[in-house]
Amino acid sequence: MTPRPQSNQPLPEHAKLVFKGEMFDVYQWEQVMYDGTTKVFEKLKRPDTVIVIPVLDDERIMLTREEQPGKKPFIGTCGGRVDSGEDALDAAKREFLEETGYEATDYILWKAIQPVSKIDWAIYFFIAKGCKQVANQSLDGGEKIEPFTVTFDEWLQMVRDKSFPVKELIPDMYEALLDEGKYGELKELLSPL
């Protein structure tokens, strides 16, 4: 089982579900303040997500051109929601296969974070290596996805595009652009088997 990262503000056990939505649930609880008064605190909960960064044998990184209803077209990464009861690694494998038709022989959990303290939501970042196309895409009705590849350096430069949607990757990419040691570490991580 892939370990789940802890939130900076964990959802208390005594929090009560006050709204159950399609994507977001809302929890509330009473919190004693420093002056002895009590306030109602609130936190959202949503399904965890996975992001897959596939590295092909020719050292290129696979990204996606995507369209979804109500959104402008964007460049993204493979990935999506972790289904209820599903392990993050299994979700990464499923999403990668559905969105690209590819499978990988090796998945490396690069990092797992909870990026927002007021939302109970983990994001798992996997590096997929030993990638081979084994099927056609199997997209949801609300997805248009076109995989394409870039070099490592082209991938790093994408951080400068304000429309790059995976904001949680930006610090790592900028570090690699600004620090030769970090560049080498990240390039090694994103090298083929």
N, C-alpha and C. Protein backbone atom coordinates (compact mmCIF):
# COMPACT_ATOMS: atom_id res chain seq x y z
N MET A 1 0.84 -1.18 0.00
CA MET A 1 0.00 0.00 0.00
C MET A 1 0.89 1.25 0.00
N THR A 2 0.59 2.18 -0.88
CA THR A 2 1.36 3.41 -0.98
C THR A 2 1.06 4.29 0.24
N PRO A 3 2.09 4.71 0.98
CA PRO A 3 1.83 5.54 2.16
C PRO A 3 1.22 6.89 1.78
N ARG A 4 0.22 7.32 2.55
CA ARG A 4 -0.47 8.59 2.29
C ARG A 4 0.19 9.69 3.10
N PRO A 5 0.50 10.82 2.47
CA PRO A 5 1.11 11.91 3.23
C PRO A 5 0.12 12.54 4.21
N GLN A 6 0.65 13.03 5.31
CA GLN A 6 -0.17 13.67 6.33
C GLN A 6 -0.41 15.13 5.97
N SER A 7 -1.59 15.62 6.23
CA SER A 7 -1.93 17.03 6.02
C SER A 7 -1.29 17.90 7.10
N ASN A 8 -1.00 19.15 6.77
CA ASN A 8 -0.51 20.10 7.77
C ASN A 8 -1.60 20.43 8.79
N GLN A 9 -2.85 20.20 8.43
CA GLN A 9 -3.98 20.42 9.33
C GLN A 9 -4.91 19.21 9.19
N PRO A 10 -4.59 18.11 9.90
CA PRO A 10 -5.40 16.89 9.75
C PRO A 10 -6.86 17.12 10.10
N LEU A 11 -7.72 16.38 9.45
CA LEU A 11 -9.15 16.42 9.73
C LEU A 11 -9.37 15.72 11.07
N PRO A 12 -9.91 16.42 12.08
CA PRO A 12 -10.11 15.79 13.38
C PRO A 12 -11.10 14.63 13.31
N GLU A 13 -10.92 13.66 14.19
CA GLU A 13 -11.80 12.49 14.21
C GLU A 13 -13.24 12.88 14.52
N HIS A 14 -13.44 13.95 15.28
CA HIS A 14 -14.79 14.35 15.67
C HIS A 14 -15.46 15.27 14.64
N ALA A 15 -14.80 15.53 13.51
CA ALA A 15 -15.41 16.36 12.46
C ALA A 15 -16.63 15.64 11.90
N LYS A 16 -17.65 16.42 11.57
CA LYS A 16 -18.90 15.85 11.04
C LYS A 16 -19.07 16.21 9.57
N LEU A 17 -19.49 15.22 8.80
CA LEU A 17 -19.80 15.45 7.39
C LEU A 17 -21.09 16.25 7.31
N VAL A 18 -21.03 17.46 6.71
CA VAL A 18 -22.23 18.31 6.61
C VAL A 18 -22.72 18.43 5.17
N PHE A 19 -21.90 18.04 4.21
CA PHE A 19 -22.31 18.05 2.80
C PHE A 19 -21.50 17.02 2.05
N LYS A 20 -22.19 16.19 1.26
CA LYS A 20 -21.52 15.17 0.43
C LYS A 20 -21.78 15.52 -1.03
N GLY A 21 -20.74 15.88 -1.75
CA GLY A 21 -20.85 16.25 -3.15
C GLY A 21 -20.30 15.19 -4.07
N GLU A 22 -20.33 15.48 -5.36
CA GLU A 22 -19.78 14.56 -6.36
C GLU A 22 -18.26 14.47 -6.24
N MET A 23 -17.61 15.62 -6.00
CA MET A 23 -16.15 15.63 -5.87
C MET A 23 -15.71 16.03 -4.46
N PHE A 24 -16.40 16.99 -3.86
CA PHE A 24 -15.99 17.52 -2.57
C PHE A 24 -17.01 17.20 -1.48
N ASP A 25 -16.51 16.78 -0.33
CA ASP A 25 -17.31 16.65 0.87
C ASP A 25 -16.87 17.77 1.82
N VAL A 26 -17.80 18.27 2.63
CA VAL A 26 -17.49 19.34 3.57
C VAL A 26 -17.66 18.80 4.99
N TYR A 27 -16.62 18.99 5.79
CA TYR A 27 -16.63 18.59 7.20
C TYR A 27 -16.54 19.83 8.07
N GLN A 28 -17.21 19.80 9.22
CA GLN A 28 -17.14 20.89 10.19
C GLN A 28 -16.90 20.31 11.58
N TRP A 29 -16.30 21.14 12.44
CA TRP A 29 -16.10 20.77 13.84
C TRP A 29 -15.93 22.03 14.67
N GLU A 30 -16.23 21.89 15.96
CA GLU A 30 -16.02 23.01 16.88
C GLU A 30 -14.57 22.96 17.36
N GLN A 31 -13.95 24.13 17.36
CA GLN A 31 -12.55 24.24 17.75
C GLN A 31 -12.44 25.26 18.87
N VAL A 32 -11.83 24.87 19.99
CA VAL A 32 -11.61 25.80 21.09
C VAL A 32 -10.45 26.70 20.72
N MET A 33 -10.67 28.02 20.85
CA MET A 33 -9.66 29.01 20.50
C MET A 33 -8.76 29.27 21.72
N TYR A 34 -7.69 30.02 21.53
CA TYR A 34 -6.75 30.30 22.61
C TYR A 34 -7.37 31.09 23.75
N ASP A 35 -8.39 31.88 23.44
CA ASP A 35 -9.03 32.69 24.49
C ASP A 35 -10.18 31.96 25.17
N GLY A 36 -10.39 30.67 24.84
CA GLY A 36 -11.44 29.88 25.45
C GLY A 36 -12.75 29.87 24.70
N THR A 37 -12.92 30.74 23.71
CA THR A 37 -14.14 30.74 22.90
C THR A 37 -14.10 29.55 21.94
N THR A 38 -15.23 29.28 21.33
CA THR A 38 -15.34 28.17 20.39
C THR A 38 -15.77 28.71 19.04
N LYS A 39 -15.14 28.22 17.99
CA LYS A 39 -15.47 28.58 16.61
C LYS A 39 -15.71 27.30 15.82
N VAL A 40 -16.49 27.42 14.73
CA VAL A 40 -16.69 26.29 13.83
C VAL A 40 -15.62 26.35 12.75
N PHE A 41 -14.87 25.27 12.62
CA PHE A 41 -13.86 25.14 11.58
C PHE A 41 -14.44 24.24 10.48
N GLU A 42 -13.85 24.35 9.30
CA GLU A 42 -14.37 23.62 8.15
C GLU A 42 -13.20 23.15 7.28
N LYS A 43 -13.39 21.99 6.67
CA LYS A 43 -12.38 21.46 5.77
C LYS A 43 -13.07 20.64 4.69
N LEU A 44 -12.54 20.72 3.48
CA LEU A 44 -13.03 19.91 2.36
C LEU A 44 -12.27 18.60 2.30
N LYS A 45 -12.91 17.61 1.71
CA LYS A 45 -12.24 16.34 1.44
C LYS A 45 -12.61 15.95 0.02
N ARG A 46 -11.63 15.47 -0.72
CA ARG A 46 -11.87 15.04 -2.10
C ARG A 46 -11.01 13.81 -2.39
N PRO A 47 -11.31 13.09 -3.48
CA PRO A 47 -10.48 11.93 -3.80
C PRO A 47 -9.03 12.33 -4.08
N ASP A 48 -8.12 11.48 -3.66
CA ASP A 48 -6.71 11.69 -3.96
C ASP A 48 -6.49 11.58 -5.46
N THR A 49 -5.36 12.10 -5.94
CA THR A 49 -5.04 12.02 -7.36
C THR A 49 -3.61 11.52 -7.56
N VAL A 50 -3.39 11.02 -8.77
CA VAL A 50 -2.06 10.56 -9.16
C VAL A 50 -1.62 11.33 -10.40
N ILE A 51 -0.34 11.55 -10.48
CA ILE A 51 0.28 12.15 -11.65
C ILE A 51 1.39 11.21 -12.09
N VAL A 52 1.41 10.89 -13.37
CA VAL A 52 2.40 9.96 -13.92
C VAL A 52 3.26 10.73 -14.91
N ILE A 53 4.56 10.65 -14.72
CA ILE A 53 5.52 11.25 -15.65
C ILE A 53 6.25 10.10 -16.33
N PRO A 54 5.80 9.74 -17.54
CA PRO A 54 6.41 8.62 -18.25
C PRO A 54 7.72 9.03 -18.93
N VAL A 55 8.73 8.20 -18.77
CA VAL A 55 10.02 8.40 -19.43
C VAL A 55 10.19 7.27 -20.43
N LEU A 56 10.30 7.63 -21.70
CA LEU A 56 10.42 6.63 -22.76
C LEU A 56 11.88 6.21 -22.93
N ASP A 57 12.10 5.11 -23.63
CA ASP A 57 13.45 4.58 -23.80
C ASP A 57 14.37 5.53 -24.56
N ASP A 58 13.79 6.46 -25.36
CA ASP A 58 14.62 7.43 -26.09
C ASP A 58 14.90 8.69 -25.26
N GLU A 59 14.66 8.60 -23.94
CA GLU A 59 14.91 9.68 -22.97
C GLU A 59 13.89 10.81 -23.05
N ARG A 60 12.85 10.65 -23.84
CA ARG A 60 11.83 11.70 -23.93
C ARG A 60 10.77 11.48 -22.86
N ILE A 61 10.15 12.57 -22.45
CA ILE A 61 9.11 12.57 -21.42
C ILE A 61 7.76 12.75 -22.11
N MET A 62 6.80 11.92 -21.73
CA MET A 62 5.48 12.01 -22.33
C MET A 62 4.60 12.97 -21.54
N LEU A 63 3.98 13.88 -22.26
CA LEU A 63 2.99 14.80 -21.71
C LEU A 63 1.70 14.63 -22.50
N THR A 64 0.71 15.43 -22.19
CA THR A 64 -0.57 15.32 -22.90
C THR A 64 -1.10 16.69 -23.27
N ARG A 65 -1.74 16.76 -24.43
CA ARG A 65 -2.57 17.91 -24.80
C ARG A 65 -3.99 17.49 -24.47
N GLU A 66 -4.67 18.28 -23.64
CA GLU A 66 -5.97 17.84 -23.14
C GLU A 66 -7.05 18.89 -23.33
N GLU A 67 -8.26 18.37 -23.46
CA GLU A 67 -9.46 19.21 -23.44
C GLU A 67 -10.47 18.51 -22.54
N GLN A 68 -11.13 19.32 -21.71
CA GLN A 68 -12.19 18.83 -20.85
C GLN A 68 -13.32 19.85 -20.89
N PRO A 69 -14.56 19.41 -20.74
CA PRO A 69 -15.68 20.35 -20.79
C PRO A 69 -15.51 21.49 -19.79
N GLY A 70 -15.74 22.71 -20.27
CA GLY A 70 -15.67 23.89 -19.41
C GLY A 70 -14.28 24.41 -19.14
N LYS A 71 -13.25 23.82 -19.74
CA LYS A 71 -11.87 24.25 -19.55
C LYS A 71 -11.26 24.59 -20.89
N LYS A 72 -10.31 25.51 -20.87
CA LYS A 72 -9.53 25.78 -22.07
C LYS A 72 -8.58 24.60 -22.30
N PRO A 73 -8.22 24.32 -23.56
CA PRO A 73 -7.23 23.26 -23.81
C PRO A 73 -5.94 23.55 -23.04
N PHE A 74 -5.28 22.49 -22.59
CA PHE A 74 -4.08 22.68 -21.78
C PHE A 74 -3.11 21.53 -22.01
N ILE A 75 -1.86 21.77 -21.63
CA ILE A 75 -0.84 20.73 -21.63
C ILE A 75 -0.77 20.19 -20.22
N GLY A 76 -0.82 18.88 -20.09
CA GLY A 76 -0.82 18.28 -18.77
C GLY A 76 0.04 17.05 -18.70
N THR A 77 -0.23 16.29 -17.66
CA THR A 77 0.45 15.02 -17.44
C THR A 77 -0.60 13.93 -17.37
N CYS A 78 -0.18 12.70 -17.52
CA CYS A 78 -1.10 11.58 -17.34
C CYS A 78 -1.49 11.52 -15.87
N GLY A 79 -2.71 11.12 -15.62
CA GLY A 79 -3.12 10.95 -14.23
C GLY A 79 -4.59 11.22 -14.04
N GLY A 80 -5.00 11.14 -12.80
CA GLY A 80 -6.39 11.37 -12.47
C GLY A 80 -6.69 10.94 -11.05
N ARG A 81 -7.97 10.71 -10.79
CA ARG A 81 -8.43 10.38 -9.44
C ARG A 81 -8.12 8.94 -9.05
N VAL A 82 -7.86 8.77 -7.76
CA VAL A 82 -7.74 7.45 -7.16
C VAL A 82 -9.16 7.04 -6.76
N ASP A 83 -9.62 5.90 -7.27
CA ASP A 83 -10.95 5.41 -6.94
C ASP A 83 -11.01 4.95 -5.49
N SER A 84 -12.19 4.97 -4.91
CA SER A 84 -12.39 4.53 -3.53
C SER A 84 -11.87 3.11 -3.35
N GLY A 85 -11.01 2.90 -2.35
CA GLY A 85 -10.44 1.59 -2.07
C GLY A 85 -9.26 1.20 -2.94
N GLU A 86 -8.91 2.05 -3.90
CA GLU A 86 -7.81 1.75 -4.83
C GLU A 86 -6.50 2.30 -4.27
N ASP A 87 -5.42 1.54 -4.43
CA ASP A 87 -4.10 2.02 -4.04
C ASP A 87 -3.61 3.03 -5.08
N ALA A 88 -2.83 4.01 -4.63
CA ALA A 88 -2.34 5.06 -5.52
C ALA A 88 -1.53 4.48 -6.69
N LEU A 89 -0.71 3.48 -6.45
CA LEU A 89 0.08 2.89 -7.53
C LEU A 89 -0.83 2.23 -8.57
N ASP A 90 -1.84 1.52 -8.10
CA ASP A 90 -2.78 0.90 -9.04
C ASP A 90 -3.52 1.97 -9.85
N ALA A 91 -3.86 3.09 -9.21
CA ALA A 91 -4.52 4.19 -9.93
C ALA A 91 -3.59 4.78 -10.98
N ALA A 92 -2.31 4.92 -10.65
CA ALA A 92 -1.34 5.45 -11.61
C ALA A 92 -1.24 4.54 -12.83
N LYS A 93 -1.17 3.24 -12.59
CA LYS A 93 -1.09 2.28 -13.70
C LYS A 93 -2.35 2.34 -14.56
N ARG A 94 -3.52 2.39 -13.91
CA ARG A 94 -4.80 2.43 -14.63
C ARG A 94 -4.92 3.71 -15.46
N GLU A 95 -4.64 4.85 -14.85
CA GLU A 95 -4.76 6.13 -15.56
C GLU A 95 -3.79 6.21 -16.73
N PHE A 96 -2.56 5.75 -16.55
CA PHE A 96 -1.56 5.78 -17.61
C PHE A 96 -2.03 4.93 -18.79
N LEU A 97 -2.54 3.73 -18.51
CA LEU A 97 -3.02 2.86 -19.57
C LEU A 97 -4.24 3.47 -20.27
N GLU A 98 -5.21 3.97 -19.51
CA GLU A 98 -6.42 4.53 -20.11
C GLU A 98 -6.11 5.74 -20.99
N GLU A 99 -5.25 6.63 -20.50
CA GLU A 99 -5.01 7.89 -21.21
C GLU A 99 -4.04 7.78 -22.37
N THR A 100 -3.18 6.75 -22.37
CA THR A 100 -2.17 6.66 -23.42
C THR A 100 -2.14 5.32 -24.15
N GLY A 101 -2.65 4.27 -23.52
CA GLY A 101 -2.50 2.93 -24.09
C GLY A 101 -1.16 2.31 -23.74
N TYR A 102 -0.40 2.95 -22.86
CA TYR A 102 0.93 2.46 -22.46
C TYR A 102 0.89 1.82 -21.08
N GLU A 103 1.83 0.89 -20.89
CA GLU A 103 2.13 0.33 -19.58
C GLU A 103 3.61 0.55 -19.32
N ALA A 104 4.00 0.47 -18.06
CA ALA A 104 5.41 0.62 -17.68
C ALA A 104 5.82 -0.59 -16.85
N THR A 105 7.10 -0.93 -16.92
CA THR A 105 7.61 -2.04 -16.11
C THR A 105 8.05 -1.56 -14.73
N ASP A 106 8.29 -0.26 -14.58
CA ASP A 106 8.81 0.26 -13.31
C ASP A 106 8.11 1.58 -12.99
N TYR A 107 7.58 1.67 -11.78
CA TYR A 107 6.98 2.91 -11.28
C TYR A 107 7.73 3.32 -10.02
N ILE A 108 8.19 4.56 -10.00
CA ILE A 108 8.90 5.09 -8.85
C ILE A 108 8.04 6.18 -8.24
N LEU A 109 7.72 6.04 -6.95
CA LEU A 109 7.01 7.11 -6.25
C LEU A 109 8.04 8.21 -5.97
N TRP A 110 7.92 9.32 -6.70
CA TRP A 110 8.84 10.44 -6.56
C TRP A 110 8.52 11.22 -5.30
N LYS A 111 7.26 11.59 -5.14
CA LYS A 111 6.86 12.31 -3.94
C LYS A 111 5.35 12.20 -3.80
N ALA A 112 4.88 12.44 -2.58
CA ALA A 112 3.45 12.47 -2.28
C ALA A 112 3.24 13.64 -1.33
N ILE A 113 2.26 14.48 -1.66
CA ILE A 113 2.04 15.70 -0.87
C ILE A 113 0.56 15.92 -0.65
N GLN A 114 0.27 16.72 0.36
CA GLN A 114 -1.06 17.30 0.53
C GLN A 114 -0.84 18.81 0.37
N PRO A 115 -1.15 19.36 -0.80
CA PRO A 115 -0.76 20.73 -1.12
C PRO A 115 -1.57 21.84 -0.45
N VAL A 116 -2.77 21.53 0.05
CA VAL A 116 -3.64 22.57 0.60
C VAL A 116 -4.09 22.13 1.99
N SER A 117 -3.82 22.93 3.01
CA SER A 117 -4.15 22.52 4.38
C SER A 117 -5.66 22.44 4.62
N LYS A 118 -6.47 23.18 3.90
CA LYS A 118 -7.92 23.18 4.11
C LYS A 118 -8.65 22.16 3.26
N ILE A 119 -7.89 21.31 2.52
CA ILE A 119 -8.49 20.23 1.74
C ILE A 119 -7.74 18.94 2.07
N ASP A 120 -8.47 17.92 2.50
CA ASP A 120 -7.87 16.61 2.72
C ASP A 120 -7.77 15.95 1.35
N TRP A 121 -6.57 16.05 0.76
CA TRP A 121 -6.37 15.62 -0.62
C TRP A 121 -4.88 15.40 -0.86
N ALA A 122 -4.52 14.18 -1.22
CA ALA A 122 -3.13 13.85 -1.49
C ALA A 122 -2.91 13.71 -2.99
N ILE A 123 -1.73 14.14 -3.42
CA ILE A 123 -1.29 13.96 -4.81
C ILE A 123 -0.03 13.10 -4.78
N TYR A 124 -0.05 12.04 -5.58
CA TYR A 124 1.08 11.12 -5.69
C TYR A 124 1.72 11.31 -7.05
N PHE A 125 3.03 11.51 -7.08
CA PHE A 125 3.78 11.71 -8.31
C PHE A 125 4.61 10.47 -8.59
N PHE A 126 4.32 9.81 -9.69
CA PHE A 126 5.04 8.61 -10.08
C PHE A 126 5.84 8.86 -11.35
N ILE A 127 7.05 8.31 -11.40
CA ILE A 127 7.86 8.27 -12.61
C ILE A 127 7.67 6.86 -13.19
N ALA A 128 7.24 6.79 -14.45
CA ALA A 128 7.02 5.50 -15.11
C ALA A 128 8.16 5.25 -16.09
N LYS A 129 8.80 4.10 -15.97
CA LYS A 129 9.92 3.74 -16.85
C LYS A 129 9.65 2.39 -17.48
N GLY A 130 10.35 2.12 -18.58
CA GLY A 130 10.12 0.87 -19.31
C GLY A 130 8.75 0.90 -19.97
N CYS A 131 8.41 2.02 -20.58
CA CYS A 131 7.07 2.23 -21.15
C CYS A 131 6.94 1.61 -22.54
N LYS A 132 5.84 0.91 -22.73
CA LYS A 132 5.53 0.29 -24.03
C LYS A 132 4.04 0.45 -24.31
N GLN A 133 3.72 0.75 -25.56
CA GLN A 133 2.31 0.83 -25.93
C GLN A 133 1.76 -0.59 -26.06
N VAL A 134 0.64 -0.86 -25.37
CA VAL A 134 0.05 -2.20 -25.37
C VAL A 134 -1.42 -2.19 -25.79
N ALA A 135 -2.00 -1.00 -25.92
CA ALA A 135 -3.43 -0.90 -26.25
C ALA A 135 -3.72 0.47 -26.83
N ASN A 136 -4.96 0.67 -27.23
CA ASN A 136 -5.42 2.01 -27.62
C ASN A 136 -5.89 2.75 -26.38
N GLN A 137 -6.00 4.06 -26.48
CA GLN A 137 -6.54 4.85 -25.39
C GLN A 137 -7.96 4.39 -25.06
N SER A 138 -8.36 4.57 -23.81
CA SER A 138 -9.71 4.26 -23.36
C SER A 138 -10.17 5.44 -22.50
N LEU A 139 -10.58 6.51 -23.17
CA LEU A 139 -10.86 7.78 -22.50
C LEU A 139 -12.29 7.86 -21.99
N ASP A 140 -12.46 8.66 -20.93
CA ASP A 140 -13.80 8.99 -20.44
C ASP A 140 -14.48 9.87 -21.47
N GLY A 141 -15.80 9.94 -21.41
CA GLY A 141 -16.57 10.75 -22.34
C GLY A 141 -16.25 12.23 -22.27
N GLY A 142 -15.69 12.70 -21.14
CA GLY A 142 -15.35 14.11 -20.97
C GLY A 142 -13.87 14.40 -21.17
N GLU A 143 -13.17 13.53 -21.88
CA GLU A 143 -11.73 13.74 -22.10
C GLU A 143 -11.39 13.68 -23.58
N LYS A 144 -10.52 14.58 -23.98
CA LYS A 144 -9.81 14.49 -25.26
C LYS A 144 -8.34 14.61 -24.87
N ILE A 145 -7.58 13.57 -25.12
CA ILE A 145 -6.18 13.54 -24.70
C ILE A 145 -5.32 13.08 -25.86
N GLU A 146 -4.29 13.86 -26.15
CA GLU A 146 -3.33 13.52 -27.19
C GLU A 146 -1.93 13.50 -26.56
N PRO A 147 -1.35 12.30 -26.37
CA PRO A 147 0.00 12.22 -25.83
C PRO A 147 1.03 12.78 -26.82
N PHE A 148 2.08 13.40 -26.30
CA PHE A 148 3.21 13.84 -27.10
C PHE A 148 4.45 13.81 -26.22
N THR A 149 5.62 13.92 -26.83
CA THR A 149 6.85 13.82 -26.04
C THR A 149 7.71 15.06 -26.19
N VAL A 150 8.52 15.29 -25.16
CA VAL A 150 9.47 16.40 -25.13
C VAL A 150 10.77 15.90 -24.53
N THR A 151 11.84 16.64 -24.76
CA THR A 151 13.10 16.32 -24.11
C THR A 151 13.04 16.80 -22.66
N PHE A 152 13.98 16.36 -21.86
CA PHE A 152 14.06 16.79 -20.47
C PHE A 152 14.15 18.31 -20.38
N ASP A 153 15.02 18.92 -21.18
CA ASP A 153 15.19 20.38 -21.14
C ASP A 153 13.93 21.11 -21.60
N GLU A 154 13.26 20.58 -22.61
CA GLU A 154 11.99 21.19 -23.04
C GLU A 154 10.95 21.10 -21.92
N TRP A 155 10.93 19.98 -21.23
CA TRP A 155 10.01 19.79 -20.10
C TRP A 155 10.27 20.83 -19.01
N LEU A 156 11.55 21.04 -18.68
CA LEU A 156 11.88 22.04 -17.66
C LEU A 156 11.43 23.44 -18.07
N GLN A 157 11.57 23.77 -19.33
CA GLN A 157 11.19 25.11 -19.80
C GLN A 157 9.68 25.34 -19.73
N MET A 158 8.90 24.27 -19.71
CA MET A 158 7.44 24.42 -19.66
C MET A 158 6.97 25.10 -18.39
N VAL A 159 7.80 25.09 -17.36
CA VAL A 159 7.43 25.73 -16.10
C VAL A 159 7.19 27.23 -16.28
N ARG A 160 7.78 27.79 -17.30
CA ARG A 160 7.64 29.23 -17.57
C ARG A 160 6.30 29.59 -18.20
N ASP A 161 5.60 28.58 -18.70
CA ASP A 161 4.29 28.81 -19.31
C ASP A 161 3.26 28.89 -18.19
N LYS A 162 2.62 30.03 -18.02
CA LYS A 162 1.67 30.23 -16.94
C LYS A 162 0.48 29.26 -16.99
N SER A 163 0.25 28.66 -18.15
CA SER A 163 -0.88 27.72 -18.26
C SER A 163 -0.49 26.30 -17.87
N PHE A 164 0.79 26.05 -17.54
CA PHE A 164 1.19 24.70 -17.13
C PHE A 164 0.40 24.32 -15.87
N PRO A 165 -0.43 23.28 -15.94
CA PRO A 165 -1.41 23.05 -14.87
C PRO A 165 -0.89 22.39 -13.59
N VAL A 166 0.23 21.73 -13.64
CA VAL A 166 0.68 20.99 -12.46
C VAL A 166 1.58 21.89 -11.62
N LYS A 167 0.94 22.80 -10.90
CA LYS A 167 1.67 23.81 -10.12
C LYS A 167 2.60 23.18 -9.08
N GLU A 168 2.26 21.99 -8.60
CA GLU A 168 3.07 21.34 -7.57
C GLU A 168 4.43 20.89 -8.09
N LEU A 169 4.62 20.84 -9.42
CA LEU A 169 5.92 20.49 -10.00
C LEU A 169 6.82 21.70 -10.17
N ILE A 170 6.25 22.88 -10.14
CA ILE A 170 7.01 24.10 -10.45
C ILE A 170 8.23 24.28 -9.56
N PRO A 171 8.15 24.12 -8.23
CA PRO A 171 9.37 24.30 -7.42
C PRO A 171 10.50 23.36 -7.83
N ASP A 172 10.18 22.10 -8.10
CA ASP A 172 11.21 21.13 -8.49
C ASP A 172 11.84 21.52 -9.83
N MET A 173 10.99 21.97 -10.76
CA MET A 173 11.49 22.33 -12.08
C MET A 173 12.36 23.58 -12.01
N TYR A 174 11.93 24.57 -11.23
CA TYR A 174 12.74 25.79 -11.09
C TYR A 174 14.07 25.50 -10.38
N GLU A 175 14.03 24.66 -9.36
CA GLU A 175 15.29 24.28 -8.69
C GLU A 175 16.26 23.68 -9.70
N ALA A 176 15.76 22.81 -10.57
CA ALA A 176 16.62 22.17 -11.57
C ALA A 176 17.15 23.19 -12.57
N LEU A 177 16.33 24.21 -12.90
CA LEU A 177 16.79 25.25 -13.83
C LEU A 177 17.87 26.14 -13.19
N LEU A 178 17.80 26.31 -11.88
CA LEU A 178 18.68 27.27 -11.20
C LEU A 178 19.87 26.63 -10.49
N ASP A 179 19.84 25.32 -10.27
CA ASP A 179 20.88 24.67 -9.49
C ASP A 179 21.40 23.46 -10.27
N GLU A 180 22.67 23.48 -10.62
CA GLU A 180 23.26 22.41 -11.42
C GLU A 180 23.14 21.04 -10.76
N GLY A 181 23.30 21.00 -9.44
CA GLY A 181 23.16 19.74 -8.72
C GLY A 181 21.75 19.19 -8.78
N LYS A 182 20.77 20.07 -8.58
CA LYS A 182 19.36 19.65 -8.66
C LYS A 182 19.00 19.23 -10.09
N TYR A 183 19.58 19.92 -11.07
CA TYR A 183 19.37 19.55 -12.48
C TYR A 183 19.83 18.10 -12.69
N GLY A 184 21.03 17.78 -12.22
CA GLY A 184 21.57 16.43 -12.38
C GLY A 184 20.73 15.38 -11.68
N GLU A 185 20.28 15.69 -10.45
CA GLU A 185 19.45 14.74 -9.70
C GLU A 185 18.13 14.46 -10.42
N LEU A 186 17.49 15.52 -10.90
CA LEU A 186 16.20 15.35 -11.56
C LEU A 186 16.37 14.66 -12.91
N LYS A 187 17.44 14.99 -13.63
CA LYS A 187 17.70 14.34 -14.92
C LYS A 187 17.95 12.85 -14.73
N GLU A 188 18.65 12.50 -13.68
CA GLU A 188 18.91 11.09 -13.36
C GLU A 188 17.60 10.37 -13.02
N LEU A 189 16.75 11.01 -12.22
CA LEU A 189 15.47 10.43 -11.86
C LEU A 189 14.61 10.19 -13.09
N LEU A 190 14.68 11.14 -14.05
CA LEU A 190 13.87 11.05 -15.26
C LEU A 190 14.65 10.48 -16.45
N SER A 191 15.55 9.55 -16.15
CA SER A 191 16.28 8.85 -17.21
C SER A 191 15.66 7.47 -17.38
N PRO A 192 15.77 6.89 -18.59
CA PRO A 192 15.18 5.56 -18.80
C PRO A 192 15.89 4.48 -18.00
N LEU A 193 15.28 3.31 -17.94
CA LEU A 193 15.89 2.17 -17.23
C LEU A 193 17.24 1.82 -17.80
